[in-house]
Amino acid sequence: MTAMPDGTPVGATRVEHDLLGDRDVPANVYYGVHTLRAVENFPITGTPIAIYPDLVVALASIKQAAALANHELGLLDTPRCEAIANACEEIRNGRLHDQFVVDVIQGGAGTSTNMNANEVIANRALELMGHAKGDYRQLHPNEHVNIGQSTNDVYPTALRIATYRGIMSLIDAMAVLRDAFAAKAEEFAGILKMGRTQLQDAVPMTLGQEFSTYAVMLTEDMDRLGEASRLICEINMGATAIGTGITAHPDYAPLVLKHLVALTGIDLVTAPNLIEATQDCGSFVQLSGVLKRVAVKLSKICNDLRLLSSGPRAGLNEINLPAMQAGSSIMPGKVNPVIPEVVNQIAFEVIGNDLTVSFAAEAGQLQLNAFEPIIAHSLFKSVTHLRNGCLTLAERCIRGITANSGRLHEMVENSIGIVTALNPYIGYANATAVAQEAHATGGSVAAIVLARGLLTKAQLDEILRPDVLTMPRPLTLGP
């Protein structure tokens, strides 16, 4: 008979028992009967929870912290504690993630995810102790790995830890994008252009000012994410089923918190009211709202980039985005703004995910919210895709943008919008008349002002200097 890499014969099984009876489980896998049933029950997305390594690592961290706390309390002997802790350490270092096979969308408030973790850890711990997988008389997924715990405190705590790590990674990616915009703002600081409101000519600004705005927008949202991350550091470990702490030792909650903080490096705190913390998903709603805010701003920025680079002959054509690929199967030479477009689509997804999180949080009933798996899936997608989008936008678009200085100068010279700068000197009525004539004749504002004798050439040159057109200044022409 052909053998698996671990020596197990192909097709070999072991028998495991649960509430519903006996089942044959493949002998070589580390998960057990509860996970097997969950895989059968939830063929929803085809995507296992292993797609989110931060979640798997968070689960292992919780189980390791729980084992250490229970050992300290005298509830778990040293051999079992060490085996569980070592198995968890392996998972935290990236091993056995392929054994976390439950679908990301599942019924049961995350019970299948918790049992998947319990079984994988138990079976690896059994191996480390020299026993066979499934020999639960020696070490049991529920009685030892899950001691003092419930899905209802393990799953939301894992979600919070994993989401926190994701937020930190997203903030780092946003900083990369922010810095890319800031560098362009400095590069373009001296390039004058026309600003626009409602897609109509407004008043002059610099291209550097336009790009610096995007850097500021991102910085603001990084701050908001930091605030939201502090909210999700409040955990409910020790709550067990509904927050009363039934089956947990009275000293378990502070001990498991101590070990979990040491393992994760995150400043977690225990919620002051575990019953409230077990049923309330408000912090997830808050975070999702901030992610939506980030998405909306990123999409707006990408809309601007697509408008500013439109053309090259029949559009604004103020900037050039780096050409990344051929744009058409029928139009030779066409290049599309594919990087901003993909970020736009990420934003649309995140906005939809926020609605999902809102509905799921609202749908909780009494002492538990059963819909945290879809909250987790939605948040993880939003965080991961926004992070990837920020890095992609920075590396494959923003850093390669160039300015069409000649085109920008031409539009400022021909714009009627610069007449606004003349208002304090020639009056609103005269400025309006100049604008009307320029619009009707196609003439330049400066030439019409001179022809009407409203200002001298020296006065015009002073008023229309680029360095004073784009910032507040005293209303004086000088000597």
Protein backbone atom coordinates (compact mmCIF):
# COMPACT_ATOMS: atom_id res chain seq x y z
CA MET A 1 0.00 0.00 0.00
CA THR A 2 1.30 3.47 -0.91
CA ALA A 3 2.19 5.63 2.08
CA MET A 4 1.84 9.36 2.77
CA PRO A 5 5.01 11.40 3.49
CA ASP A 6 4.46 10.82 7.23
CA GLY A 7 4.31 7.07 6.70
CA THR A 8 0.52 6.79 7.01
CA PRO A 9 -0.95 4.44 4.39
CA VAL A 10 -2.96 6.25 1.71
CA GLY A 11 -6.66 5.98 2.53
CA ALA A 12 -6.06 4.99 6.16
CA THR A 13 -8.52 6.39 8.70
CA ARG A 14 -9.01 6.64 12.42
CA VAL A 15 -12.37 6.56 14.19
CA GLU A 16 -13.42 9.59 16.21
CA HIS A 17 -16.60 10.09 18.21
CA ASP A 18 -18.76 13.15 18.89
CA LEU A 19 -22.32 13.96 19.94
CA LEU A 20 -23.72 12.63 16.65
CA GLY A 21 -21.76 9.36 16.62
CA ASP A 22 -18.65 7.85 15.09
CA ARG A 23 -16.90 9.07 11.95
CA ASP A 24 -13.87 7.93 10.00
CA VAL A 25 -11.30 10.71 9.88
CA PRO A 26 -8.30 10.52 7.51
CA ALA A 27 -5.46 9.17 9.62
CA ASN A 28 -2.87 11.69 8.44
CA VAL A 29 -4.77 14.91 9.21
CA TYR A 30 -4.45 16.84 12.45
CA TYR A 31 -8.06 17.99 12.64
CA GLY A 32 -10.79 15.71 13.95
CA VAL A 33 -14.46 14.81 13.77
CA HIS A 34 -15.85 18.25 14.63
CA THR A 35 -13.81 19.86 11.88
CA LEU A 36 -14.77 17.09 9.45
CA ARG A 37 -18.47 17.74 10.02
CA ALA A 38 -17.95 21.49 9.66
CA VAL A 39 -16.22 21.03 6.31
CA GLU A 40 -19.19 18.97 5.14
CA ASN A 41 -21.76 21.39 6.56
CA PHE A 42 -20.31 24.61 5.17
CA PRO A 43 -19.27 24.22 1.52
CA ILE A 44 -19.89 27.94 1.08
CA THR A 45 -16.94 29.88 -0.29
CA GLY A 46 -14.38 27.13 -0.78
CA THR A 47 -11.99 29.36 1.18
CA PRO A 48 -10.62 27.91 4.44
CA ILE A 49 -9.80 30.01 7.48
CA ALA A 50 -6.13 29.28 6.73
CA ILE A 51 -6.33 32.10 4.18
CA TYR A 52 -6.04 34.43 7.16
CA PRO A 53 -2.76 33.46 8.87
CA ASP A 54 -3.17 36.22 11.45
CA LEU A 55 -6.37 34.52 12.63
CA VAL A 56 -4.67 31.10 12.86
CA VAL A 57 -1.75 32.59 14.78
CA ALA A 58 -4.16 34.43 17.09
CA LEU A 59 -6.01 31.20 17.85
CA ALA A 60 -2.75 29.43 18.66
CA SER A 61 -1.67 32.33 20.87
CA ILE A 62 -4.91 32.14 22.83
CA LYS A 63 -4.66 28.39 23.31
CA GLN A 64 -1.05 28.70 24.43
CA ALA A 65 -1.90 31.49 26.88
CA ALA A 66 -4.83 29.45 28.23
CA ALA A 67 -2.63 26.39 28.75
CA LEU A 68 -0.03 28.44 30.62
CA ALA A 69 -2.70 30.09 32.78
CA ASN A 70 -4.39 26.79 33.60
CA HIS A 71 -1.05 25.20 34.45
CA GLU A 72 -0.32 28.09 36.79
CA LEU A 73 -3.70 27.46 38.42
CA GLY A 74 -2.96 23.75 38.84
CA LEU A 75 -5.64 22.71 36.36
CA LEU A 76 -3.30 21.36 33.67
CA ASP A 77 -0.30 19.14 34.39
CA THR A 78 3.18 19.96 33.14
CA PRO A 79 3.51 17.35 30.33
CA ARG A 80 0.19 18.32 28.75
CA CYS A 81 0.86 22.04 29.19
CA GLU A 82 4.27 21.77 27.56
CA ALA A 83 2.92 19.69 24.67
CA ILE A 84 0.06 22.11 24.03
CA ALA A 85 2.36 25.13 24.31
CA ASN A 86 4.90 23.60 21.93
CA ALA A 87 2.20 22.69 19.39
CA CYS A 88 0.88 26.26 19.58
CA GLU A 89 4.39 27.63 19.15
CA GLU A 90 4.79 25.62 15.96
CA ILE A 91 1.51 26.99 14.60
CA ARG A 92 2.50 30.52 15.54
CA ASN A 93 5.68 29.95 13.53
CA GLY A 94 3.70 28.96 10.44
CA ARG A 95 3.39 25.17 10.72
CA LEU A 96 0.14 23.22 10.20
CA HIS A 97 -1.81 26.18 8.83
CA ASP A 98 -3.04 23.91 6.05
CA GLN A 99 -4.94 21.96 8.70
CA PHE A 100 -7.25 24.90 9.41
CA VAL A 101 -9.78 23.86 6.80
CA VAL A 102 -13.16 25.13 7.99
CA ASP A 103 -14.84 27.55 5.59
CA VAL A 104 -14.50 31.24 6.46
CA ILE A 105 -18.29 31.56 6.43
CA GLN A 106 -19.87 29.11 8.87
CA GLY A 107 -22.80 28.76 11.22
CA GLY A 108 -22.35 28.30 14.95
CA ALA A 109 -20.81 31.64 15.98
CA GLY A 110 -17.30 30.38 15.19
CA THR A 111 -17.57 27.07 17.07
CA SER A 112 -16.21 25.19 14.08
CA THR A 113 -13.17 27.45 13.97
CA ASN A 114 -12.53 26.99 17.69
CA MET A 115 -12.90 23.20 17.41
CA ASN A 116 -10.64 23.14 14.36
CA ALA A 117 -7.96 24.84 16.48
CA ASN A 118 -8.56 22.58 19.48
CA GLU A 119 -8.24 19.41 17.37
CA VAL A 120 -5.16 20.45 15.43
CA ILE A 121 -3.37 21.53 18.59
CA ALA A 122 -4.43 18.40 20.48
CA ASN A 123 -3.28 16.01 17.78
CA ARG A 124 0.05 17.75 17.31
CA ALA A 125 0.52 17.80 21.10
CA LEU A 126 -0.24 14.07 21.18
CA GLU A 127 2.51 13.47 18.62
CA LEU A 128 4.93 15.53 20.66
CA MET A 129 4.08 13.37 23.69
CA GLY A 130 4.70 10.20 21.67
CA HIS A 131 1.06 9.22 21.16
CA ALA A 132 -1.01 8.65 18.05
CA LYS A 133 -3.35 11.23 16.59
CA GLY A 134 -6.83 10.73 17.98
CA ASP A 135 -5.68 9.15 21.26
CA TYR A 136 -7.72 11.65 23.22
CA ARG A 137 -7.49 9.63 26.43
CA GLN A 138 -4.01 11.12 26.76
CA LEU A 139 -4.86 14.67 25.78
CA HIS A 140 -8.31 15.87 24.72
CA PRO A 141 -9.23 18.81 22.44
CA ASN A 142 -12.02 19.97 24.77
CA GLU A 143 -10.95 18.82 28.21
CA HIS A 144 -7.36 20.03 27.95
CA VAL A 145 -6.81 22.40 24.99
CA ASN A 146 -10.15 24.19 25.57
CA ILE A 147 -10.14 24.18 29.39
CA GLY A 148 -11.60 27.37 30.89
CA GLN A 149 -12.69 28.56 27.45
CA SER A 150 -15.66 28.82 25.13
CA THR A 151 -15.95 29.66 21.48
CA ASN A 152 -17.72 32.76 22.72
CA ASP A 153 -14.59 34.24 24.26
CA VAL A 154 -11.92 32.53 22.13
CA TYR A 155 -13.33 33.45 18.71
CA PRO A 156 -13.97 37.18 19.29
CA THR A 157 -10.61 37.52 21.05
CA ALA A 158 -8.86 35.86 18.11
CA LEU A 159 -10.73 38.14 15.74
CA ARG A 160 -9.60 41.19 17.69
CA ILE A 161 -5.95 40.11 17.83
CA ALA A 162 -5.87 39.24 14.14
CA THR A 163 -7.64 42.44 13.15
CA TYR A 164 -5.26 44.52 15.26
CA ARG A 165 -2.29 43.02 13.43
CA GLY A 166 -4.01 43.68 10.13
CA ILE A 167 -4.65 47.30 11.04
CA MET A 168 -1.00 47.83 11.95
CA SER A 169 0.01 46.38 8.60
CA LEU A 170 -2.53 48.57 6.82
CA ILE A 171 -1.25 51.69 8.60
CA ASP A 172 2.29 50.81 7.48
CA ALA A 173 1.09 50.46 3.88
CA MET A 174 -0.79 53.75 4.08
CA ALA A 175 2.42 55.39 5.30
CA VAL A 176 4.20 54.13 2.18
CA LEU A 177 1.48 55.65 0.00
CA ARG A 178 1.42 58.86 2.04
CA ASP A 179 5.17 59.26 1.64
CA ALA A 180 4.89 58.67 -2.11
CA PHE A 181 2.36 61.49 -2.39
CA ALA A 182 4.48 63.73 -0.16
CA ALA A 183 7.53 63.15 -2.36
CA LYS A 184 5.52 64.08 -5.44
CA ALA A 185 4.19 67.17 -3.66
CA GLU A 186 7.75 68.33 -3.12
CA GLU A 187 8.74 67.49 -6.70
CA PHE A 188 5.77 69.41 -8.11
CA ALA A 189 5.93 72.35 -5.65
CA GLY A 190 6.77 74.98 -8.26
CA ILE A 191 4.39 73.86 -11.01
CA LEU A 192 1.39 76.20 -11.36
CA LYS A 193 -1.95 74.80 -12.55
CA MET A 194 -5.63 75.56 -12.44
CA GLY A 195 -7.71 74.28 -9.57
CA ARG A 196 -11.26 73.21 -10.27
CA THR A 197 -14.52 73.13 -8.39
CA GLN A 198 -17.51 71.22 -9.75
CA LEU A 199 -15.27 70.34 -12.71
CA GLN A 200 -15.16 74.04 -13.71
CA ASP A 201 -12.12 76.30 -13.69
CA ALA A 202 -11.60 77.83 -10.26
CA VAL A 203 -8.36 79.55 -9.20
CA PRO A 204 -4.69 78.69 -9.59
CA MET A 205 -2.82 76.35 -7.29
CA THR A 206 0.35 74.31 -7.60
CA LEU A 207 0.44 70.68 -8.57
CA GLY A 208 2.45 70.21 -5.38
CA GLN A 209 -0.44 71.56 -3.31
CA GLU A 210 -2.79 69.13 -5.03
CA PHE A 211 -0.59 66.13 -4.22
CA SER A 212 0.15 67.29 -0.67
CA THR A 213 -3.59 67.19 -0.01
CA TYR A 214 -3.62 63.46 -0.69
CA ALA A 215 -0.78 62.95 1.79
CA VAL A 216 -2.71 64.85 4.46
CA MET A 217 -5.89 62.86 3.78
CA LEU A 218 -4.04 59.60 4.31
CA THR A 219 -2.36 60.84 7.48
CA GLU A 220 -5.74 61.74 8.96
CA ASP A 221 -7.10 58.28 8.26
CA MET A 222 -4.02 56.60 9.70
CA ASP A 223 -4.78 58.47 12.92
CA ARG A 224 -8.42 57.33 12.85
CA LEU A 225 -7.32 53.72 12.35
CA GLY A 226 -5.01 54.03 15.33
CA GLU A 227 -7.94 55.16 17.45
CA ALA A 228 -10.11 52.27 16.23
CA SER A 229 -7.33 49.78 16.93
CA ARG A 230 -7.31 50.74 20.59
CA LEU A 231 -11.01 49.89 20.85
CA ILE A 232 -10.51 46.34 19.63
CA CYS A 233 -7.79 45.67 22.21
CA GLU A 234 -10.51 45.07 24.80
CA ILE A 235 -11.06 41.29 25.00
CA ASN A 236 -13.48 38.98 26.81
CA MET A 237 -11.25 36.02 27.67
CA GLY A 238 -12.62 34.44 30.84
CA ALA A 239 -16.21 35.14 29.81
CA THR A 240 -16.75 31.52 28.66
CA ALA A 241 -20.31 30.95 27.40
CA ILE A 242 -22.14 34.23 28.00
CA GLY A 243 -19.85 36.32 30.17
CA THR A 244 -20.54 34.87 33.60
CA GLY A 245 -17.27 32.93 33.57
CA ILE A 246 -18.87 29.58 34.29
CA THR A 247 -16.31 26.67 34.28
CA ALA A 248 -13.38 29.11 34.46
CA HIS A 249 -11.23 29.55 37.59
CA PRO A 250 -11.82 32.92 39.34
CA ASP A 251 -8.19 33.92 38.68
CA TYR A 252 -8.13 32.66 35.11
CA ALA A 253 -9.05 35.91 33.29
CA PRO A 254 -6.16 38.03 34.60
CA LEU A 255 -3.69 35.18 34.15
CA VAL A 256 -4.68 34.39 30.58
CA LEU A 257 -4.52 38.12 29.79
CA LYS A 258 -0.99 38.32 31.21
CA HIS A 259 0.23 35.44 29.06
CA LEU A 260 -1.62 36.63 25.97
CA VAL A 261 -0.07 40.09 26.20
CA ALA A 262 3.36 38.49 26.57
CA LEU A 263 2.82 36.23 23.55
CA THR A 264 1.30 38.82 21.21
CA GLY A 265 3.05 42.00 22.28
CA ILE A 266 -0.31 43.78 22.10
CA ASP A 267 -1.56 45.91 25.00
CA LEU A 268 -4.75 43.93 25.45
CA VAL A 269 -7.12 44.62 28.34
CA THR A 270 -9.95 42.59 29.83
CA ALA A 271 -13.37 44.15 29.32
CA PRO A 272 -14.84 45.52 32.56
CA ASN A 273 -18.14 43.73 31.90
CA LEU A 274 -17.71 40.34 30.24
CA ILE A 275 -21.43 39.82 29.63
CA GLU A 276 -21.57 43.06 27.65
CA ALA A 277 -18.32 42.31 25.85
CA THR A 278 -19.51 38.85 24.77
CA GLN A 279 -22.57 40.13 22.93
CA ASP A 280 -21.52 43.61 21.75
CA CYS A 281 -19.88 44.05 18.33
CA GLY A 282 -19.74 47.85 18.45
CA SER A 283 -15.96 48.06 18.14
CA PHE A 284 -16.10 46.02 14.94
CA VAL A 285 -18.75 48.37 13.54
CA GLN A 286 -16.56 51.34 14.49
CA LEU A 287 -13.52 49.83 12.80
CA SER A 288 -15.47 48.91 9.69
CA GLY A 289 -16.70 52.49 9.46
CA VAL A 290 -13.14 53.78 9.57
CA LEU A 291 -12.12 51.29 6.88
CA LYS A 292 -14.99 52.60 4.77
CA ARG A 293 -13.72 56.13 5.35
CA VAL A 294 -10.27 55.08 4.12
CA ALA A 295 -11.84 53.41 1.09
CA VAL A 296 -13.94 56.44 0.19
CA LYS A 297 -10.93 58.74 0.32
CA LEU A 298 -8.72 56.39 -1.66
CA SER A 299 -11.40 56.07 -4.31
CA LYS A 300 -11.75 59.85 -4.52
CA ILE A 301 -7.99 60.19 -4.94
CA CYS A 302 -8.02 57.59 -7.71
CA ASN A 303 -10.89 59.38 -9.42
CA ASP A 304 -8.75 62.53 -9.42
CA LEU A 305 -5.74 60.69 -10.83
CA ARG A 306 -7.82 59.27 -13.65
CA LEU A 307 -9.26 62.70 -14.46
CA LEU A 308 -5.93 64.53 -14.30
CA SER A 309 -4.29 61.96 -16.58
CA SER A 310 -7.21 61.69 -19.01
CA GLY A 311 -6.31 62.01 -22.67
CA PRO A 312 -3.64 62.06 -23.86
CA ARG A 313 -5.02 64.37 -26.56
CA ALA A 314 -8.70 64.81 -25.73
CA GLY A 315 -8.61 64.99 -21.94
CA LEU A 316 -7.06 67.11 -19.19
CA ASN A 317 -3.64 65.53 -19.75
CA GLU A 318 -2.10 67.37 -16.80
CA ILE A 319 -0.14 64.40 -15.47
CA ASN A 320 1.13 61.13 -16.87
CA LEU A 321 0.54 57.89 -15.02
CA PRO A 322 3.17 55.22 -15.63
CA ALA A 323 2.14 52.87 -18.43
CA MET A 324 1.65 49.42 -16.92
CA GLN A 325 0.09 47.38 -19.74
CA ALA A 326 -1.57 47.61 -23.12
CA GLY A 327 -5.05 49.01 -22.68
CA SER A 328 -7.08 47.50 -25.44
CA SER A 329 -7.43 44.44 -27.60
CA ILE A 330 -8.76 46.59 -30.46
CA MET A 331 -7.33 50.11 -30.03
CA PRO A 332 -3.56 50.16 -30.67
CA GLY A 333 -1.55 52.44 -28.43
CA LYS A 334 -4.24 52.84 -25.80
CA VAL A 335 -3.00 52.81 -22.19
CA ASN A 336 -5.52 52.76 -19.33
CA PRO A 337 -5.19 53.90 -15.68
CA VAL A 338 -5.40 50.31 -14.47
CA ILE A 339 -3.82 50.83 -11.05
CA PRO A 340 -6.25 53.55 -9.91
CA GLU A 341 -9.05 51.45 -11.37
CA VAL A 342 -8.19 48.43 -9.28
CA VAL A 343 -8.01 50.56 -6.14
CA ASN A 344 -11.42 52.01 -6.98
CA GLN A 345 -12.79 48.47 -7.06
CA ILE A 346 -11.20 47.64 -3.71
CA ALA A 347 -12.96 50.68 -2.29
CA PHE A 348 -16.32 49.53 -3.63
CA GLU A 349 -15.78 46.15 -1.98
CA VAL A 350 -14.84 47.70 1.37
CA ILE A 351 -17.95 49.89 1.32
CA GLY A 352 -20.04 46.77 0.74
CA ASN A 353 -18.20 44.92 3.49
CA ASP A 354 -19.10 47.72 5.89
CA LEU A 355 -22.77 47.17 5.19
CA THR A 356 -22.31 43.44 5.85
CA VAL A 357 -20.62 44.14 9.18
CA SER A 358 -23.40 46.54 10.14
CA PHE A 359 -26.15 44.02 9.40
CA ALA A 360 -24.27 41.21 11.16
CA ALA A 361 -23.64 43.29 14.28
CA GLU A 362 -27.26 44.38 14.41
CA ALA A 363 -28.52 40.82 14.01
CA GLY A 364 -27.03 39.60 17.30
CA GLN A 365 -29.59 38.41 19.83
CA LEU A 366 -29.51 38.39 23.61
CA GLN A 367 -26.18 37.20 25.06
CA LEU A 368 -24.29 36.36 21.85
CA ASN A 369 -23.79 37.45 18.29
CA ALA A 370 -23.83 34.32 16.13
CA PHE A 371 -22.64 36.15 13.03
CA GLU A 372 -19.07 37.04 13.90
CA PRO A 373 -17.67 34.72 11.18
CA ILE A 374 -19.05 37.00 8.45
CA ILE A 375 -17.85 40.04 10.43
CA ALA A 376 -14.38 38.47 10.57
CA HIS A 377 -14.37 37.60 6.88
CA SER A 378 -15.54 41.09 5.91
CA LEU A 379 -13.03 42.90 8.10
CA PHE A 380 -10.12 40.71 7.06
CA LYS A 381 -10.93 41.22 3.38
CA SER A 382 -11.21 44.97 3.82
CA VAL A 383 -7.96 45.28 5.76
CA THR A 384 -5.99 42.95 3.48
CA HIS A 385 -7.24 44.39 0.21
CA LEU A 386 -6.79 48.00 1.33
CA ARG A 387 -3.25 47.21 2.40
CA ASN A 388 -2.43 45.58 -0.93
CA GLY A 389 -4.13 48.41 -2.78
CA CYS A 390 -2.12 51.10 -0.99
CA LEU A 391 1.18 49.38 -1.72
CA THR A 392 0.24 48.74 -5.34
CA LEU A 393 -0.88 52.33 -5.87
CA ALA A 394 2.33 53.69 -4.36
CA GLU A 395 4.74 51.35 -6.13
CA ARG A 396 3.10 50.97 -9.53
CA CYS A 397 1.53 54.38 -9.99
CA ILE A 398 2.33 57.34 -7.73
CA ARG A 399 6.12 57.04 -7.77
CA GLY A 400 6.13 57.07 -11.57
CA ILE A 401 3.82 60.05 -12.14
CA THR A 402 5.21 62.93 -14.22
CA ALA A 403 3.79 66.38 -14.83
CA ASN A 404 2.97 67.90 -18.22
CA SER A 405 4.32 71.33 -17.28
CA GLY A 406 3.72 72.93 -20.68
CA ARG A 407 0.10 71.83 -20.71
CA LEU A 408 -0.42 73.09 -17.16
CA HIS A 409 1.11 76.50 -17.98
CA GLU A 410 -1.00 76.81 -21.10
CA MET A 411 -4.22 76.17 -19.19
CA VAL A 412 -3.35 78.76 -16.53
CA GLU A 413 -2.50 81.33 -19.17
CA ASN A 414 -5.78 80.72 -21.01
CA SER A 415 -8.00 80.32 -17.98
CA ILE A 416 -10.69 82.79 -17.08
CA GLY A 417 -10.36 81.60 -13.49
CA ILE A 418 -7.38 83.85 -12.77
CA VAL A 419 -9.73 86.81 -12.89
CA THR A 420 -10.66 85.91 -9.31
CA ALA A 421 -7.22 87.06 -8.21
CA LEU A 422 -7.99 90.50 -9.66
CA ASN A 423 -11.22 91.00 -7.68
CA PRO A 424 -9.63 92.97 -4.82
CA TYR A 425 -7.95 95.35 -7.27
CA ILE A 426 -10.45 96.00 -10.06
CA GLY A 427 -13.69 95.12 -8.26
CA TYR A 428 -16.19 92.35 -8.80
CA ALA A 429 -18.14 94.16 -11.54
CA ASN A 430 -15.04 94.86 -13.63
CA ALA A 431 -13.76 91.33 -13.03
CA THR A 432 -17.09 89.92 -14.21
CA ALA A 433 -17.00 92.02 -17.37
CA VAL A 434 -13.44 90.90 -18.09
CA ALA A 435 -14.44 87.26 -17.59
CA GLN A 436 -17.43 87.63 -19.92
CA GLU A 437 -15.31 89.19 -22.64
CA ALA A 438 -12.60 86.56 -22.29
CA HIS A 439 -15.18 83.81 -22.54
CA ALA A 440 -16.87 85.38 -25.58
CA THR A 441 -13.72 86.25 -27.50
CA GLY A 442 -11.24 83.65 -26.37
CA GLY A 443 -8.87 86.40 -25.36
CA SER A 444 -6.66 86.25 -22.29
CA VAL A 445 -7.71 87.87 -19.03
CA ALA A 446 -4.42 89.74 -18.74
CA ALA A 447 -4.68 91.24 -22.23
CA ILE A 448 -8.26 92.41 -21.66
CA VAL A 449 -7.40 94.01 -18.30
CA LEU A 450 -4.54 95.91 -19.94
CA ALA A 451 -6.67 96.94 -22.89
CA ARG A 452 -9.33 98.33 -20.56
CA GLY A 453 -6.72 100.20 -18.56
CA LEU A 454 -7.76 98.58 -15.31
CA LEU A 455 -4.20 97.76 -14.23
CA THR A 456 -0.68 98.38 -15.47
CA LYS A 457 1.59 95.65 -16.78
CA ALA A 458 3.75 95.89 -13.64
CA GLN A 459 0.70 95.60 -11.41
CA LEU A 460 -0.56 92.57 -13.33
CA ASP A 461 2.80 90.87 -13.17
CA GLU A 462 2.88 91.35 -9.39
CA ILE A 463 -0.66 90.05 -8.86
CA LEU A 464 -0.21 87.03 -11.12
CA ARG A 465 3.13 85.86 -9.78
CA PRO A 466 2.89 82.07 -9.23
CA ASP A 467 4.27 82.25 -5.70
CA VAL A 468 1.56 84.69 -4.61
CA LEU A 469 -1.34 83.34 -6.66
CA THR A 470 -1.50 80.20 -4.53
CA MET A 471 -1.54 81.55 -0.96
CA PRO A 472 -3.01 84.34 1.17
CA ARG A 473 -1.26 87.72 0.92
CA PRO A 474 -1.84 91.34 1.90
CA LEU A 475 -3.98 93.23 -0.57
CA THR A 476 -1.31 95.65 -1.74
CA LEU A 477 0.55 96.19 -5.01
CA GLY A 478 3.58 97.70 -3.37
CA PRO A 479 5.24 101.01 -4.34
